[in-house]
Amino acid sequence: QGVDGTKRNRAMVMIQDAEKGNIENYIGSLMQELGDESKPEGSRVLAGTLLKNTMSSNDMAKREELAKRWLGVRTETRQEVKNMVLATLSSPKKHARVVAATVAAHI
């Protein structure tokens, strides 16, 4: 694994802990990162992918669980996510637009 593998594993644990903690804060942080034009495109794509993963899964049982959790998020937060995703669809950054479209498809 090496140093990069160790860092990656630590980062994944931190991400999983954040998601399991306060889901509203987690979603809010990902939403801000994705929607911020000043952020590097790679971090925006990662944030969008993680945001999409809070809503959807290839596993049907997990997908239902995530859908229930998403509906448990405050209406205001869900609307903010929708608004940010729609705004990001007009980003000048291609990869940000693509990941925003992917998130939109899973809302």
N, C-alpha and C. Protein backbone atom coordinates (compact mmCIF):
# COMPACT_ATOMS: atom_id res chain seq x y z
N GLN A 1 0.81 -1.20 0.00
CA GLN A 1 0.00 0.00 0.00
C GLN A 1 0.85 1.26 0.00
N GLY A 2 1.83 1.32 0.82
CA GLY A 2 2.70 2.47 0.84
C GLY A 2 2.04 3.67 1.50
N VAL A 3 2.73 4.79 1.42
CA VAL A 3 2.26 6.02 2.05
C VAL A 3 0.93 6.49 1.45
N ASP A 4 0.82 6.47 0.13
CA ASP A 4 -0.42 6.92 -0.51
C ASP A 4 -1.61 6.06 -0.09
N GLY A 5 -1.41 4.76 0.00
CA GLY A 5 -2.48 3.85 0.42
C GLY A 5 -2.89 4.12 1.85
N THR A 6 -1.94 4.39 2.71
CA THR A 6 -2.23 4.69 4.11
C THR A 6 -3.01 6.00 4.21
N LYS A 7 -2.57 7.00 3.47
CA LYS A 7 -3.28 8.29 3.48
C LYS A 7 -4.70 8.11 2.95
N ARG A 8 -4.83 7.34 1.89
CA ARG A 8 -6.14 7.11 1.30
C ARG A 8 -7.07 6.41 2.30
N ASN A 9 -6.54 5.40 3.00
CA ASN A 9 -7.35 4.69 3.98
C ASN A 9 -7.79 5.61 5.11
N ARG A 10 -6.87 6.45 5.59
CA ARG A 10 -7.22 7.40 6.65
C ARG A 10 -8.29 8.38 6.16
N ALA A 11 -8.13 8.84 4.94
CA ALA A 11 -9.10 9.78 4.37
C ALA A 11 -10.47 9.12 4.25
N MET A 12 -10.51 7.88 3.81
CA MET A 12 -11.78 7.17 3.68
C MET A 12 -12.47 7.00 5.03
N VAL A 13 -11.69 6.69 6.06
CA VAL A 13 -12.26 6.56 7.40
C VAL A 13 -12.83 7.89 7.86
N MET A 14 -12.12 8.98 7.59
CA MET A 14 -12.60 10.31 7.97
C MET A 14 -13.90 10.64 7.24
N ILE A 15 -13.96 10.31 5.97
CA ILE A 15 -15.17 10.56 5.18
C ILE A 15 -16.33 9.75 5.71
N GLN A 16 -16.09 8.48 5.99
CA GLN A 16 -17.16 7.62 6.51
C GLN A 16 -17.64 8.11 7.87
N ASP A 17 -16.71 8.55 8.73
CA ASP A 17 -17.10 9.08 10.04
C ASP A 17 -17.94 10.34 9.89
N ALA A 18 -17.56 11.21 8.96
CA ALA A 18 -18.32 12.44 8.73
C ALA A 18 -19.72 12.12 8.25
N GLU A 19 -19.82 11.15 7.34
CA GLU A 19 -21.14 10.79 6.81
C GLU A 19 -22.02 10.18 7.91
N LYS A 20 -21.43 9.37 8.77
CA LYS A 20 -22.20 8.73 9.84
C LYS A 20 -22.56 9.72 10.95
N GLY A 21 -21.80 10.80 11.04
CA GLY A 21 -22.07 11.81 12.06
C GLY A 21 -23.30 12.62 11.69
N ASN A 22 -23.12 13.88 11.53
CA ASN A 22 -24.23 14.78 11.20
C ASN A 22 -24.39 14.84 9.68
N ILE A 23 -25.39 14.15 9.17
CA ILE A 23 -25.59 14.04 7.72
C ILE A 23 -25.87 15.40 7.09
N GLU A 24 -26.55 16.27 7.81
CA GLU A 24 -26.84 17.61 7.27
C GLU A 24 -25.54 18.38 7.04
N ASN A 25 -24.64 18.34 8.01
CA ASN A 25 -23.36 19.04 7.87
C ASN A 25 -22.53 18.42 6.75
N TYR A 26 -22.55 17.11 6.66
CA TYR A 26 -21.80 16.40 5.63
C TYR A 26 -22.29 16.80 4.24
N ILE A 27 -23.60 16.74 4.05
CA ILE A 27 -24.19 17.12 2.77
C ILE A 27 -23.92 18.59 2.47
N GLY A 28 -24.04 19.43 3.48
CA GLY A 28 -23.79 20.86 3.30
C GLY A 28 -22.36 21.14 2.86
N SER A 29 -21.40 20.44 3.47
CA SER A 29 -20.00 20.63 3.10
C SER A 29 -19.74 20.17 1.67
N LEU A 30 -20.29 19.03 1.30
CA LEU A 30 -20.12 18.53 -0.06
C LEU A 30 -20.77 19.46 -1.07
N MET A 31 -21.94 19.97 -0.72
CA MET A 31 -22.67 20.88 -1.60
C MET A 31 -21.85 22.15 -1.83
N GLN A 32 -21.28 22.69 -0.77
CA GLN A 32 -20.48 23.91 -0.90
C GLN A 32 -19.25 23.68 -1.78
N GLU A 33 -18.61 22.55 -1.59
CA GLU A 33 -17.41 22.24 -2.38
C GLU A 33 -17.75 22.10 -3.85
N LEU A 34 -18.81 21.37 -4.14
CA LEU A 34 -19.21 21.17 -5.52
C LEU A 34 -19.59 22.48 -6.19
N GLY A 35 -20.28 23.34 -5.48
CA GLY A 35 -20.79 24.57 -6.07
C GLY A 35 -19.81 25.72 -6.13
N ASP A 36 -18.64 25.58 -5.53
CA ASP A 36 -17.68 26.68 -5.45
C ASP A 36 -16.76 26.69 -6.66
N GLU A 37 -16.95 27.69 -7.53
CA GLU A 37 -16.16 27.80 -8.76
C GLU A 37 -14.67 28.02 -8.50
N SER A 38 -14.33 28.49 -7.31
CA SER A 38 -12.92 28.76 -7.02
C SER A 38 -12.16 27.51 -6.59
N LYS A 39 -12.86 26.43 -6.33
CA LYS A 39 -12.23 25.19 -5.89
C LYS A 39 -11.66 24.43 -7.08
N PRO A 40 -10.62 23.62 -6.82
CA PRO A 40 -10.06 22.80 -7.91
C PRO A 40 -11.13 21.83 -8.44
N GLU A 41 -11.09 21.62 -9.73
CA GLU A 41 -12.11 20.78 -10.35
C GLU A 41 -12.11 19.37 -9.77
N GLY A 42 -10.94 18.84 -9.46
CA GLY A 42 -10.87 17.49 -8.90
C GLY A 42 -11.60 17.36 -7.57
N SER A 43 -11.46 18.38 -6.71
CA SER A 43 -12.14 18.32 -5.41
C SER A 43 -13.65 18.49 -5.60
N ARG A 44 -14.04 19.25 -6.60
CA ARG A 44 -15.47 19.42 -6.88
C ARG A 44 -16.08 18.11 -7.38
N VAL A 45 -15.34 17.42 -8.23
CA VAL A 45 -15.83 16.13 -8.75
C VAL A 45 -15.94 15.12 -7.61
N LEU A 46 -14.93 15.08 -6.74
CA LEU A 46 -14.98 14.16 -5.60
C LEU A 46 -16.16 14.49 -4.70
N ALA A 47 -16.37 15.78 -4.42
CA ALA A 47 -17.50 16.18 -3.58
C ALA A 47 -18.82 15.77 -4.23
N GLY A 48 -18.94 15.97 -5.52
CA GLY A 48 -20.16 15.58 -6.22
C GLY A 48 -20.40 14.09 -6.18
N THR A 49 -19.33 13.34 -6.35
CA THR A 49 -19.45 11.87 -6.30
C THR A 49 -19.87 11.41 -4.91
N LEU A 50 -19.25 11.98 -3.89
CA LEU A 50 -19.63 11.62 -2.52
C LEU A 50 -21.06 12.04 -2.22
N LEU A 51 -21.46 13.21 -2.73
CA LEU A 51 -22.83 13.67 -2.54
C LEU A 51 -23.82 12.70 -3.20
N LYS A 52 -23.51 12.30 -4.42
CA LYS A 52 -24.36 11.33 -5.12
C LYS A 52 -24.44 10.03 -4.33
N ASN A 53 -23.33 9.63 -3.74
CA ASN A 53 -23.29 8.38 -2.98
C ASN A 53 -24.08 8.45 -1.68
N THR A 54 -24.44 9.66 -1.23
CA THR A 54 -25.30 9.77 -0.05
C THR A 54 -26.76 9.51 -0.41
N MET A 55 -27.04 9.47 -1.72
CA MET A 55 -28.42 9.33 -2.18
C MET A 55 -28.70 8.04 -2.92
N SER A 56 -27.68 7.39 -3.43
CA SER A 56 -27.92 6.26 -4.32
C SER A 56 -26.84 5.20 -4.17
N SER A 57 -27.22 4.00 -4.53
CA SER A 57 -26.30 2.86 -4.50
C SER A 57 -26.76 1.85 -5.56
N ASN A 58 -25.84 1.03 -6.00
CA ASN A 58 -26.20 -0.05 -6.93
C ASN A 58 -26.96 -1.16 -6.21
N ASP A 59 -26.75 -1.29 -4.91
CA ASP A 59 -27.42 -2.29 -4.10
C ASP A 59 -28.83 -1.80 -3.74
N MET A 60 -29.84 -2.56 -4.11
CA MET A 60 -31.23 -2.12 -3.93
C MET A 60 -31.58 -1.86 -2.47
N ALA A 61 -31.18 -2.71 -1.55
CA ALA A 61 -31.49 -2.51 -0.14
C ALA A 61 -30.83 -1.23 0.37
N LYS A 62 -29.58 -1.03 0.00
CA LYS A 62 -28.85 0.18 0.41
C LYS A 62 -29.50 1.41 -0.22
N ARG A 63 -29.94 1.30 -1.46
CA ARG A 63 -30.58 2.42 -2.16
C ARG A 63 -31.84 2.86 -1.41
N GLU A 64 -32.64 1.90 -0.94
CA GLU A 64 -33.84 2.23 -0.19
C GLU A 64 -33.50 2.91 1.13
N GLU A 65 -32.47 2.42 1.79
CA GLU A 65 -32.01 3.02 3.04
C GLU A 65 -31.55 4.46 2.81
N LEU A 66 -30.78 4.67 1.74
CA LEU A 66 -30.29 6.01 1.43
C LEU A 66 -31.43 6.95 1.05
N ALA A 67 -32.42 6.43 0.34
CA ALA A 67 -33.57 7.25 -0.04
C ALA A 67 -34.33 7.72 1.20
N LYS A 68 -34.51 6.83 2.15
CA LYS A 68 -35.19 7.19 3.40
C LYS A 68 -34.38 8.23 4.17
N ARG A 69 -33.07 8.04 4.19
CA ARG A 69 -32.21 9.00 4.89
C ARG A 69 -32.28 10.36 4.20
N TRP A 70 -32.23 10.38 2.87
CA TRP A 70 -32.32 11.64 2.11
C TRP A 70 -33.63 12.36 2.43
N LEU A 71 -34.72 11.62 2.48
CA LEU A 71 -36.01 12.24 2.78
C LEU A 71 -36.10 12.72 4.23
N GLY A 72 -35.21 12.20 5.08
CA GLY A 72 -35.14 12.64 6.47
C GLY A 72 -34.34 13.92 6.66
N VAL A 73 -33.63 14.32 5.62
CA VAL A 73 -32.87 15.58 5.66
C VAL A 73 -33.87 16.73 5.56
N ARG A 74 -33.58 17.81 6.27
CA ARG A 74 -34.49 18.96 6.25
C ARG A 74 -34.83 19.38 4.82
N THR A 75 -36.06 19.77 4.62
CA THR A 75 -36.54 20.20 3.30
C THR A 75 -35.68 21.34 2.76
N GLU A 76 -35.31 22.27 3.63
CA GLU A 76 -34.50 23.41 3.21
C GLU A 76 -33.15 22.95 2.66
N THR A 77 -32.54 22.00 3.34
CA THR A 77 -31.23 21.49 2.91
C THR A 77 -31.37 20.78 1.57
N ARG A 78 -32.39 19.97 1.43
CA ARG A 78 -32.60 19.27 0.15
C ARG A 78 -32.81 20.27 -0.98
N GLN A 79 -33.56 21.34 -0.71
CA GLN A 79 -33.79 22.36 -1.74
C GLN A 79 -32.49 23.10 -2.07
N GLU A 80 -31.67 23.39 -1.06
CA GLU A 80 -30.38 24.03 -1.31
C GLU A 80 -29.50 23.16 -2.21
N VAL A 81 -29.51 21.85 -1.95
CA VAL A 81 -28.73 20.93 -2.78
C VAL A 81 -29.25 20.98 -4.21
N LYS A 82 -30.54 20.91 -4.38
CA LYS A 82 -31.12 20.96 -5.73
C LYS A 82 -30.75 22.25 -6.44
N ASN A 83 -30.85 23.37 -5.75
CA ASN A 83 -30.52 24.66 -6.35
C ASN A 83 -29.04 24.73 -6.75
N MET A 84 -28.16 24.24 -5.86
CA MET A 84 -26.74 24.26 -6.14
C MET A 84 -26.41 23.35 -7.33
N VAL A 85 -27.03 22.19 -7.38
CA VAL A 85 -26.78 21.27 -8.49
C VAL A 85 -27.22 21.91 -9.81
N LEU A 86 -28.38 22.52 -9.81
CA LEU A 86 -28.86 23.19 -11.02
C LEU A 86 -27.93 24.32 -11.43
N ALA A 87 -27.45 25.08 -10.46
CA ALA A 87 -26.51 26.17 -10.77
C ALA A 87 -25.20 25.63 -11.31
N THR A 88 -24.75 24.51 -10.78
CA THR A 88 -23.48 23.93 -11.21
C THR A 88 -23.57 23.37 -12.62
N LEU A 89 -24.77 23.06 -13.08
CA LEU A 89 -24.93 22.59 -14.46
C LEU A 89 -24.49 23.64 -15.48
N SER A 90 -24.41 24.89 -15.06
CA SER A 90 -23.96 25.94 -15.98
C SER A 90 -22.52 26.36 -15.70
N SER A 91 -21.80 25.57 -14.93
CA SER A 91 -20.40 25.86 -14.63
C SER A 91 -19.56 25.85 -15.90
N PRO A 92 -18.55 26.72 -15.97
CA PRO A 92 -17.65 26.67 -17.12
C PRO A 92 -16.73 25.44 -17.10
N LYS A 93 -16.70 24.75 -15.96
CA LYS A 93 -15.85 23.57 -15.80
C LYS A 93 -16.63 22.32 -16.20
N LYS A 94 -16.18 21.66 -17.25
CA LYS A 94 -16.89 20.50 -17.80
C LYS A 94 -17.11 19.39 -16.78
N HIS A 95 -16.07 19.01 -16.04
CA HIS A 95 -16.20 17.88 -15.11
C HIS A 95 -17.15 18.22 -13.96
N ALA A 96 -17.18 19.48 -13.55
CA ALA A 96 -18.13 19.90 -12.51
C ALA A 96 -19.56 19.77 -13.04
N ARG A 97 -19.77 20.17 -14.30
CA ARG A 97 -21.11 20.04 -14.91
C ARG A 97 -21.53 18.57 -14.99
N VAL A 98 -20.61 17.72 -15.39
CA VAL A 98 -20.93 16.29 -15.55
C VAL A 98 -21.31 15.67 -14.21
N VAL A 99 -20.52 15.94 -13.18
CA VAL A 99 -20.84 15.35 -11.87
C VAL A 99 -22.13 15.96 -11.31
N ALA A 100 -22.39 17.24 -11.59
CA ALA A 100 -23.65 17.85 -11.15
C ALA A 100 -24.83 17.16 -11.83
N ALA A 101 -24.69 16.83 -13.10
CA ALA A 101 -25.75 16.11 -13.82
C ALA A 101 -25.96 14.74 -13.21
N THR A 102 -24.89 14.09 -12.83
CA THR A 102 -25.00 12.78 -12.19
C THR A 102 -25.73 12.88 -10.85
N VAL A 103 -25.39 13.91 -10.06
CA VAL A 103 -26.08 14.11 -8.78
C VAL A 103 -27.56 14.37 -9.05
N ALA A 104 -27.85 15.24 -10.01
CA ALA A 104 -29.24 15.57 -10.33
C ALA A 104 -30.04 14.33 -10.70
N ALA A 105 -29.41 13.42 -11.40
CA ALA A 105 -30.10 12.19 -11.81
C ALA A 105 -30.45 11.30 -10.63
N HIS A 106 -29.75 11.49 -9.51
CA HIS A 106 -29.99 10.63 -8.34
C HIS A 106 -30.79 11.30 -7.24
N ILE A 107 -31.14 12.56 -7.43
CA ILE A 107 -31.94 13.25 -6.40
C ILE A 107 -33.36 12.73 -6.47
